[in-house]
Amino acid sequence: MAKPKENPNYKVIAENRRARYDYAIEDDIECGIILEGSEVKSLRQNSANIAESYAAVDEAELWLVNSYIAPYEQAKTFGHEEKRRRKLLVSKKELSRLWNDTQRKGMTLVPLVLYFNHKGLAKMKLGIAKGKKNVDKRHTEAKRDWSRQKQRLLRHGG
């Protein structure tokens, strides 16, 4: 049987690896992002950082705050601001759920991955997360170390 072709449009641009260490991710949601032309061109060159960014519900809209998209060199006159607030697109129902989670349950919205989907559209995967304490982080680290050790023992036979 022939292998399915890899979709040329799907491409991960930026990933927040630290998020899973610092936060307990309870749920995630895919949302669109409103970008300018020079931002899209810059993202196609893999020049973005979402490590220090976060999402917030402000005046019935979802915003991505403090994300960095490098300036696009060829867009001299119509460039973009690197760290501007970018609007995220979700349905009203999802927006109200996100607002309820962040207000009532003490959760936060953490960007996990910025990518181009199979249609070539820029998307953001947000995690609905609760901050971990140092004890929780140590527990996660110990569990990960033990699973690595277990795999090593199984491979080498004892």
N, C-alpha and C. Protein backbone atom coordinates (compact mmCIF):
# COMPACT_ATOMS: atom_id res chain seq x y z
N MET A 1 0.84 -1.19 0.00
CA MET A 1 0.00 0.00 0.00
C MET A 1 0.88 1.24 0.00
N ALA A 2 0.51 2.23 -0.77
CA ALA A 2 1.31 3.44 -0.91
C ALA A 2 1.15 4.33 0.31
N LYS A 3 2.23 4.99 0.67
CA LYS A 3 2.19 5.94 1.79
C LYS A 3 1.44 7.19 1.38
N PRO A 4 0.63 7.77 2.29
CA PRO A 4 0.01 9.05 1.94
C PRO A 4 1.07 10.14 1.87
N LYS A 5 0.89 11.05 0.93
CA LYS A 5 1.86 12.14 0.77
C LYS A 5 1.81 13.08 1.96
N GLU A 6 2.96 13.59 2.33
CA GLU A 6 3.06 14.61 3.38
C GLU A 6 2.48 15.90 2.81
N ASN A 7 1.61 16.54 3.58
CA ASN A 7 1.00 17.77 3.09
C ASN A 7 2.04 18.90 3.10
N PRO A 8 2.30 19.54 1.98
CA PRO A 8 3.33 20.58 1.93
C PRO A 8 2.93 21.85 2.67
N ASN A 9 1.62 22.06 2.90
CA ASN A 9 1.18 23.28 3.58
C ASN A 9 1.35 23.20 5.09
N TYR A 10 1.22 22.00 5.69
CA TYR A 10 1.31 21.88 7.14
C TYR A 10 2.74 22.10 7.60
N LYS A 11 2.90 23.06 8.52
CA LYS A 11 4.25 23.42 8.97
C LYS A 11 4.17 24.05 10.35
N VAL A 12 4.92 23.51 11.30
CA VAL A 12 4.98 24.10 12.64
C VAL A 12 5.98 25.26 12.59
N ILE A 13 5.53 26.42 13.08
CA ILE A 13 6.37 27.61 13.03
C ILE A 13 7.08 27.82 14.36
N ALA A 14 6.30 27.85 15.44
CA ALA A 14 6.88 28.07 16.76
C ALA A 14 6.16 27.19 17.76
N GLU A 15 6.93 26.68 18.73
CA GLU A 15 6.37 25.80 19.74
C GLU A 15 6.83 26.28 21.10
N ASN A 16 5.93 26.26 22.07
CA ASN A 16 6.24 26.67 23.43
C ASN A 16 6.45 25.41 24.25
N ARG A 17 7.67 24.90 24.27
CA ARG A 17 7.96 23.65 24.96
C ARG A 17 7.94 23.82 26.48
N ARG A 18 8.25 24.99 26.94
CA ARG A 18 8.30 25.25 28.37
C ARG A 18 6.91 25.23 29.00
N ALA A 19 5.88 25.43 28.20
CA ALA A 19 4.51 25.51 28.71
C ALA A 19 4.11 24.23 29.42
N ARG A 20 4.46 23.08 28.87
CA ARG A 20 4.07 21.80 29.48
C ARG A 20 4.84 21.55 30.77
N TYR A 21 5.99 22.18 30.94
CA TYR A 21 6.75 22.06 32.17
C TYR A 21 6.19 22.98 33.26
N ASP A 22 5.85 24.20 32.89
CA ASP A 22 5.39 25.19 33.86
C ASP A 22 3.90 25.09 34.19
N TYR A 23 3.12 24.49 33.30
CA TYR A 23 1.67 24.46 33.48
C TYR A 23 1.13 23.04 33.33
N ALA A 24 0.05 22.77 34.03
CA ALA A 24 -0.70 21.53 33.84
C ALA A 24 -1.79 21.85 32.81
N ILE A 25 -1.63 21.37 31.61
CA ILE A 25 -2.57 21.65 30.51
C ILE A 25 -3.79 20.75 30.68
N GLU A 26 -4.96 21.35 30.86
CA GLU A 26 -6.17 20.57 31.06
C GLU A 26 -6.94 20.37 29.77
N ASP A 27 -6.88 21.34 28.87
CA ASP A 27 -7.60 21.25 27.61
C ASP A 27 -6.89 22.15 26.61
N ASP A 28 -7.09 21.89 25.33
CA ASP A 28 -6.52 22.79 24.33
C ASP A 28 -7.56 23.10 23.27
N ILE A 29 -7.33 24.20 22.58
CA ILE A 29 -8.29 24.70 21.61
C ILE A 29 -7.51 25.29 20.43
N GLU A 30 -8.01 25.04 19.22
CA GLU A 30 -7.39 25.61 18.03
C GLU A 30 -8.12 26.89 17.66
N CYS A 31 -7.36 27.93 17.38
CA CYS A 31 -8.00 29.19 16.99
C CYS A 31 -7.21 29.83 15.85
N GLY A 32 -7.90 30.65 15.09
CA GLY A 32 -7.28 31.39 14.01
C GLY A 32 -6.59 32.62 14.56
N ILE A 33 -5.79 33.25 13.74
CA ILE A 33 -5.07 34.45 14.18
C ILE A 33 -5.09 35.47 13.03
N ILE A 34 -5.36 36.72 13.37
CA ILE A 34 -5.40 37.78 12.36
C ILE A 34 -3.99 38.35 12.21
N LEU A 35 -3.46 38.25 10.98
CA LEU A 35 -2.10 38.69 10.71
C LEU A 35 -2.08 39.67 9.54
N GLU A 36 -1.04 40.48 9.49
CA GLU A 36 -0.80 41.35 8.34
C GLU A 36 0.01 40.57 7.31
N GLY A 37 0.08 41.10 6.10
CA GLY A 37 0.78 40.41 5.02
C GLY A 37 2.24 40.15 5.30
N SER A 38 2.94 41.14 5.85
CA SER A 38 4.37 40.97 6.12
C SER A 38 4.60 39.96 7.25
N GLU A 39 3.61 39.83 8.15
CA GLU A 39 3.74 38.85 9.23
C GLU A 39 3.65 37.43 8.68
N VAL A 40 2.74 37.21 7.74
CA VAL A 40 2.60 35.89 7.14
C VAL A 40 3.88 35.52 6.40
N LYS A 41 4.42 36.45 5.64
CA LYS A 41 5.65 36.20 4.90
C LYS A 41 6.79 35.86 5.85
N SER A 42 6.85 36.57 6.97
CA SER A 42 7.88 36.31 7.96
C SER A 42 7.70 34.94 8.61
N LEU A 43 6.45 34.57 8.88
CA LEU A 43 6.18 33.25 9.46
C LEU A 43 6.56 32.13 8.51
N ARG A 44 6.40 32.35 7.21
CA ARG A 44 6.79 31.34 6.23
C ARG A 44 8.29 31.07 6.30
N GLN A 45 9.06 32.04 6.82
CA GLN A 45 10.51 31.87 6.97
C GLN A 45 10.88 31.37 8.37
N ASN A 46 9.90 30.91 9.15
CA ASN A 46 10.11 30.36 10.50
C ASN A 46 10.74 31.35 11.47
N SER A 47 10.27 32.58 11.51
CA SER A 47 10.87 33.55 12.41
C SER A 47 9.82 34.09 13.38
N ALA A 48 9.51 33.27 14.39
CA ALA A 48 8.54 33.69 15.40
C ALA A 48 8.91 33.07 16.73
N ASN A 49 8.42 33.69 17.82
CA ASN A 49 8.66 33.18 19.16
C ASN A 49 7.40 33.40 19.99
N ILE A 50 6.88 32.33 20.58
CA ILE A 50 5.69 32.45 21.43
C ILE A 50 6.00 32.02 22.86
N ALA A 51 7.28 31.91 23.22
CA ALA A 51 7.65 31.39 24.53
C ALA A 51 7.20 32.30 25.68
N GLU A 52 7.30 33.62 25.53
CA GLU A 52 6.93 34.53 26.62
C GLU A 52 5.53 35.08 26.46
N SER A 53 4.77 34.57 25.51
CA SER A 53 3.46 35.16 25.23
C SER A 53 2.35 34.46 26.01
N TYR A 54 1.20 35.10 26.03
CA TYR A 54 0.01 34.55 26.68
C TYR A 54 -1.22 35.09 25.96
N ALA A 55 -2.36 34.47 26.22
CA ALA A 55 -3.61 34.92 25.62
C ALA A 55 -4.51 35.46 26.72
N ALA A 56 -5.32 36.45 26.38
CA ALA A 56 -6.21 37.06 27.35
C ALA A 56 -7.52 37.45 26.69
N VAL A 57 -8.62 37.31 27.46
CA VAL A 57 -9.93 37.75 26.99
C VAL A 57 -10.10 39.18 27.47
N ASP A 58 -10.28 40.10 26.51
CA ASP A 58 -10.39 41.51 26.84
C ASP A 58 -11.53 42.12 26.02
N GLU A 59 -12.54 42.65 26.69
CA GLU A 59 -13.69 43.27 26.05
C GLU A 59 -14.33 42.36 25.00
N ALA A 60 -14.65 41.15 25.39
CA ALA A 60 -15.33 40.15 24.56
C ALA A 60 -14.53 39.77 23.30
N GLU A 61 -13.20 39.86 23.36
CA GLU A 61 -12.33 39.44 22.28
C GLU A 61 -11.14 38.72 22.87
N LEU A 62 -10.58 37.78 22.12
CA LEU A 62 -9.42 37.01 22.56
C LEU A 62 -8.17 37.58 21.88
N TRP A 63 -7.17 37.90 22.69
CA TRP A 63 -5.95 38.54 22.19
C TRP A 63 -4.72 37.72 22.54
N LEU A 64 -3.76 37.68 21.63
CA LEU A 64 -2.45 37.09 21.87
C LEU A 64 -1.51 38.24 22.20
N VAL A 65 -0.93 38.21 23.39
CA VAL A 65 -0.12 39.31 23.88
C VAL A 65 1.35 38.87 23.97
N ASN A 66 2.25 39.75 23.57
CA ASN A 66 3.69 39.60 23.73
C ASN A 66 4.30 38.50 22.86
N SER A 67 3.68 38.17 21.75
CA SER A 67 4.30 37.21 20.82
C SER A 67 5.19 37.98 19.85
N TYR A 68 6.26 37.35 19.41
CA TYR A 68 7.23 38.02 18.55
C TYR A 68 7.21 37.40 17.16
N ILE A 69 7.04 38.24 16.15
CA ILE A 69 7.19 37.84 14.76
C ILE A 69 8.23 38.78 14.16
N ALA A 70 9.32 38.22 13.68
CA ALA A 70 10.44 39.02 13.16
C ALA A 70 10.00 39.87 11.98
N PRO A 71 10.61 41.04 11.80
CA PRO A 71 10.25 41.88 10.65
C PRO A 71 10.66 41.20 9.35
N TYR A 72 9.85 41.42 8.32
CA TYR A 72 10.13 40.85 6.99
C TYR A 72 10.95 41.87 6.23
N GLU A 73 12.14 41.46 5.82
CA GLU A 73 13.11 42.39 5.23
C GLU A 73 12.60 43.05 3.95
N GLN A 74 11.89 42.33 3.10
CA GLN A 74 11.45 42.89 1.83
C GLN A 74 10.30 43.88 1.99
N ALA A 75 9.63 43.90 3.14
CA ALA A 75 8.51 44.81 3.37
C ALA A 75 9.01 46.04 4.14
N LYS A 76 9.75 46.87 3.47
CA LYS A 76 10.33 48.05 4.13
C LYS A 76 9.26 49.07 4.52
N THR A 77 8.43 49.46 3.58
CA THR A 77 7.45 50.52 3.86
C THR A 77 6.20 50.00 4.55
N PHE A 78 5.78 48.77 4.23
CA PHE A 78 4.56 48.23 4.82
C PHE A 78 4.88 47.10 5.78
N GLY A 79 5.82 47.32 6.65
CA GLY A 79 6.22 46.32 7.64
C GLY A 79 5.21 46.22 8.77
N HIS A 80 5.56 45.50 9.80
CA HIS A 80 4.66 45.33 10.94
C HIS A 80 5.44 45.54 12.24
N GLU A 81 4.69 45.79 13.29
CA GLU A 81 5.28 45.92 14.62
C GLU A 81 5.52 44.51 15.16
N GLU A 82 6.71 44.24 15.70
CA GLU A 82 7.09 42.88 16.06
C GLU A 82 6.29 42.30 17.22
N LYS A 83 6.04 43.08 18.27
CA LYS A 83 5.38 42.55 19.47
C LYS A 83 4.00 43.14 19.69
N ARG A 84 3.25 43.36 18.63
CA ARG A 84 1.91 43.93 18.80
C ARG A 84 0.93 42.87 19.29
N ARG A 85 -0.21 43.34 19.82
CA ARG A 85 -1.28 42.42 20.22
C ARG A 85 -1.98 41.92 18.97
N ARG A 86 -2.19 40.62 18.88
CA ARG A 86 -2.84 40.03 17.72
C ARG A 86 -4.15 39.38 18.15
N LYS A 87 -5.18 39.62 17.36
CA LYS A 87 -6.50 39.09 17.70
C LYS A 87 -6.58 37.62 17.30
N LEU A 88 -7.13 36.80 18.21
CA LEU A 88 -7.34 35.38 17.95
C LEU A 88 -8.82 35.15 17.66
N LEU A 89 -9.11 34.22 16.76
CA LEU A 89 -10.47 33.99 16.31
C LEU A 89 -11.02 32.68 16.89
N VAL A 90 -12.07 32.81 17.68
CA VAL A 90 -12.79 31.66 18.22
C VAL A 90 -14.28 31.96 18.15
N SER A 91 -15.10 30.94 18.30
CA SER A 91 -16.54 31.18 18.29
C SER A 91 -16.96 31.83 19.60
N LYS A 92 -18.16 32.42 19.62
CA LYS A 92 -18.65 33.08 20.83
C LYS A 92 -18.80 32.10 21.98
N LYS A 93 -19.23 30.89 21.66
CA LYS A 93 -19.41 29.86 22.68
C LYS A 93 -18.06 29.49 23.31
N GLU A 94 -17.04 29.30 22.49
CA GLU A 94 -15.71 28.99 23.00
C GLU A 94 -15.14 30.15 23.78
N LEU A 95 -15.38 31.36 23.31
CA LEU A 95 -14.89 32.55 24.00
C LEU A 95 -15.49 32.66 25.39
N SER A 96 -16.79 32.41 25.52
CA SER A 96 -17.41 32.49 26.84
C SER A 96 -16.89 31.39 27.75
N ARG A 97 -16.62 30.22 27.20
CA ARG A 97 -16.06 29.13 28.01
C ARG A 97 -14.66 29.48 28.49
N LEU A 98 -13.85 30.06 27.61
CA LEU A 98 -12.49 30.48 27.99
C LEU A 98 -12.53 31.55 29.07
N TRP A 99 -13.45 32.50 28.91
CA TRP A 99 -13.56 33.57 29.90
C TRP A 99 -13.97 33.00 31.25
N ASN A 100 -14.95 32.08 31.25
CA ASN A 100 -15.38 31.46 32.51
C ASN A 100 -14.24 30.70 33.17
N ASP A 101 -13.48 29.94 32.40
CA ASP A 101 -12.37 29.17 32.96
C ASP A 101 -11.32 30.08 33.58
N THR A 102 -10.98 31.18 32.89
CA THR A 102 -9.92 32.06 33.41
C THR A 102 -10.41 32.87 34.60
N GLN A 103 -11.69 33.23 34.66
CA GLN A 103 -12.18 34.06 35.75
C GLN A 103 -12.51 33.25 37.00
N ARG A 104 -13.19 32.13 36.83
CA ARG A 104 -13.69 31.39 37.98
C ARG A 104 -12.71 30.36 38.51
N LYS A 105 -12.08 29.63 37.64
CA LYS A 105 -11.27 28.50 38.07
C LYS A 105 -9.79 28.84 38.26
N GLY A 106 -9.40 30.08 37.99
CA GLY A 106 -8.00 30.46 38.16
C GLY A 106 -7.07 29.89 37.10
N MET A 107 -7.61 29.63 35.93
CA MET A 107 -6.80 29.09 34.84
C MET A 107 -6.18 30.23 34.04
N THR A 108 -5.26 29.86 33.16
CA THR A 108 -4.66 30.82 32.26
C THR A 108 -4.61 30.23 30.86
N LEU A 109 -4.49 31.07 29.86
CA LEU A 109 -4.44 30.63 28.47
C LEU A 109 -3.00 30.73 27.97
N VAL A 110 -2.43 29.60 27.64
CA VAL A 110 -1.03 29.53 27.25
C VAL A 110 -0.93 29.08 25.79
N PRO A 111 -0.24 29.84 24.93
CA PRO A 111 -0.03 29.39 23.55
C PRO A 111 0.91 28.19 23.53
N LEU A 112 0.51 27.13 22.85
CA LEU A 112 1.33 25.92 22.78
C LEU A 112 2.08 25.83 21.45
N VAL A 113 1.36 26.00 20.34
CA VAL A 113 1.97 25.85 19.02
C VAL A 113 1.38 26.88 18.07
N LEU A 114 2.23 27.47 17.23
CA LEU A 114 1.81 28.32 16.12
C LEU A 114 2.20 27.59 14.85
N TYR A 115 1.23 27.37 13.95
CA TYR A 115 1.50 26.55 12.77
C TYR A 115 0.61 26.95 11.61
N PHE A 116 0.99 26.48 10.42
CA PHE A 116 0.14 26.58 9.25
C PHE A 116 -0.56 25.24 9.11
N ASN A 117 -1.90 25.25 8.98
CA ASN A 117 -2.65 24.00 8.87
C ASN A 117 -2.56 23.45 7.45
N HIS A 118 -3.31 22.39 7.17
CA HIS A 118 -3.23 21.73 5.87
C HIS A 118 -3.73 22.61 4.73
N LYS A 119 -4.55 23.61 5.04
CA LYS A 119 -5.01 24.54 4.01
C LYS A 119 -4.06 25.71 3.82
N GLY A 120 -3.02 25.79 4.66
CA GLY A 120 -2.06 26.89 4.55
C GLY A 120 -2.44 28.10 5.37
N LEU A 121 -3.41 27.96 6.30
CA LEU A 121 -3.83 29.08 7.15
C LEU A 121 -3.07 29.04 8.47
N ALA A 122 -2.71 30.21 8.98
CA ALA A 122 -2.01 30.29 10.26
C ALA A 122 -2.98 30.01 11.40
N LYS A 123 -2.62 29.07 12.27
CA LYS A 123 -3.45 28.69 13.41
C LYS A 123 -2.61 28.68 14.67
N MET A 124 -3.29 28.82 15.81
CA MET A 124 -2.63 28.79 17.12
C MET A 124 -3.35 27.76 17.97
N LYS A 125 -2.59 26.93 18.66
CA LYS A 125 -3.19 26.00 19.60
C LYS A 125 -2.95 26.56 21.00
N LEU A 126 -4.06 26.88 21.68
CA LEU A 126 -4.00 27.43 23.04
C LEU A 126 -4.29 26.34 24.04
N GLY A 127 -3.57 26.36 25.14
CA GLY A 127 -3.83 25.43 26.23
C GLY A 127 -4.51 26.14 27.37
N ILE A 128 -5.57 25.52 27.90
CA ILE A 128 -6.21 26.04 29.10
C ILE A 128 -5.49 25.37 30.26
N ALA A 129 -4.74 26.14 31.03
CA ALA A 129 -3.78 25.55 31.96
C ALA A 129 -3.87 26.15 33.35
N LYS A 130 -3.35 25.38 34.30
CA LYS A 130 -3.22 25.83 35.68
C LYS A 130 -1.74 25.78 36.00
N GLY A 131 -1.21 26.80 36.63
CA GLY A 131 0.21 26.86 36.95
C GLY A 131 0.63 25.77 37.91
N LYS A 132 1.80 25.17 37.65
CA LYS A 132 2.33 24.13 38.55
C LYS A 132 3.16 24.76 39.64
N LYS A 133 3.14 24.15 40.80
CA LYS A 133 4.03 24.53 41.89
C LYS A 133 5.34 23.77 41.69
N ASN A 134 6.38 24.16 42.43
CA ASN A 134 7.69 23.52 42.28
C ASN A 134 7.63 22.02 42.59
N VAL A 135 6.80 21.65 43.56
CA VAL A 135 6.66 20.24 43.92
C VAL A 135 6.11 19.45 42.74
N ASP A 136 5.11 20.00 42.06
CA ASP A 136 4.53 19.34 40.90
C ASP A 136 5.54 19.19 39.78
N LYS A 137 6.37 20.22 39.59
CA LYS A 137 7.38 20.17 38.54
C LYS A 137 8.39 19.07 38.83
N ARG A 138 8.79 18.95 40.11
CA ARG A 138 9.74 17.90 40.48
C ARG A 138 9.13 16.52 40.28
N HIS A 139 7.85 16.39 40.61
CA HIS A 139 7.16 15.12 40.44
C HIS A 139 7.10 14.72 38.96
N THR A 140 6.80 15.68 38.09
CA THR A 140 6.75 15.42 36.65
C THR A 140 8.13 15.02 36.14
N GLU A 141 9.15 15.71 36.61
CA GLU A 141 10.51 15.41 36.19
C GLU A 141 10.93 14.01 36.63
N ALA A 142 10.58 13.63 37.87
CA ALA A 142 10.93 12.31 38.38
C ALA A 142 10.22 11.22 37.57
N LYS A 143 8.95 11.47 37.22
CA LYS A 143 8.21 10.50 36.43
C LYS A 143 8.84 10.32 35.05
N ARG A 144 9.24 11.43 34.44
CA ARG A 144 9.86 11.38 33.12
C ARG A 144 11.21 10.64 33.19
N ASP A 145 12.01 10.92 34.24
CA ASP A 145 13.29 10.24 34.40
C ASP A 145 13.10 8.74 34.58
N TRP A 146 12.09 8.35 35.37
CA TRP A 146 11.84 6.94 35.60
C TRP A 146 11.41 6.24 34.30
N SER A 147 10.59 6.90 33.50
CA SER A 147 10.17 6.26 32.24
C SER A 147 11.35 6.11 31.29
N ARG A 148 12.26 7.06 31.28
CA ARG A 148 13.48 6.94 30.46
C ARG A 148 14.33 5.77 30.95
N GLN A 149 14.48 5.68 32.27
CA GLN A 149 15.29 4.61 32.87
C GLN A 149 14.67 3.25 32.55
N LYS A 150 13.35 3.17 32.63
CA LYS A 150 12.63 1.93 32.35
C LYS A 150 12.85 1.51 30.90
N GLN A 151 12.76 2.46 29.97
CA GLN A 151 12.99 2.16 28.56
C GLN A 151 14.43 1.65 28.33
N ARG A 152 15.37 2.30 29.02
CA ARG A 152 16.78 1.92 28.89
C ARG A 152 16.98 0.49 29.39
N LEU A 153 16.35 0.16 30.53
CA LEU A 153 16.48 -1.18 31.09
C LEU A 153 15.84 -2.23 30.17
N LEU A 154 14.70 -1.91 29.60
CA LEU A 154 14.03 -2.86 28.71
C LEU A 154 14.85 -3.10 27.44
N ARG A 155 15.47 -2.05 26.94
CA ARG A 155 16.28 -2.16 25.72
C ARG A 155 17.50 -3.04 25.93
N HIS A 156 18.20 -2.82 27.06
CA HIS A 156 19.46 -3.51 27.31
C HIS A 156 19.28 -4.80 28.11
N GLY A 157 18.08 -5.11 28.48
CA GLY A 157 17.79 -6.39 29.12
C GLY A 157 18.28 -6.51 30.55
N GLY A 158 18.22 -5.42 31.31
CA GLY A 158 18.47 -5.60 32.73
C GLY A 158 19.62 -4.86 33.23
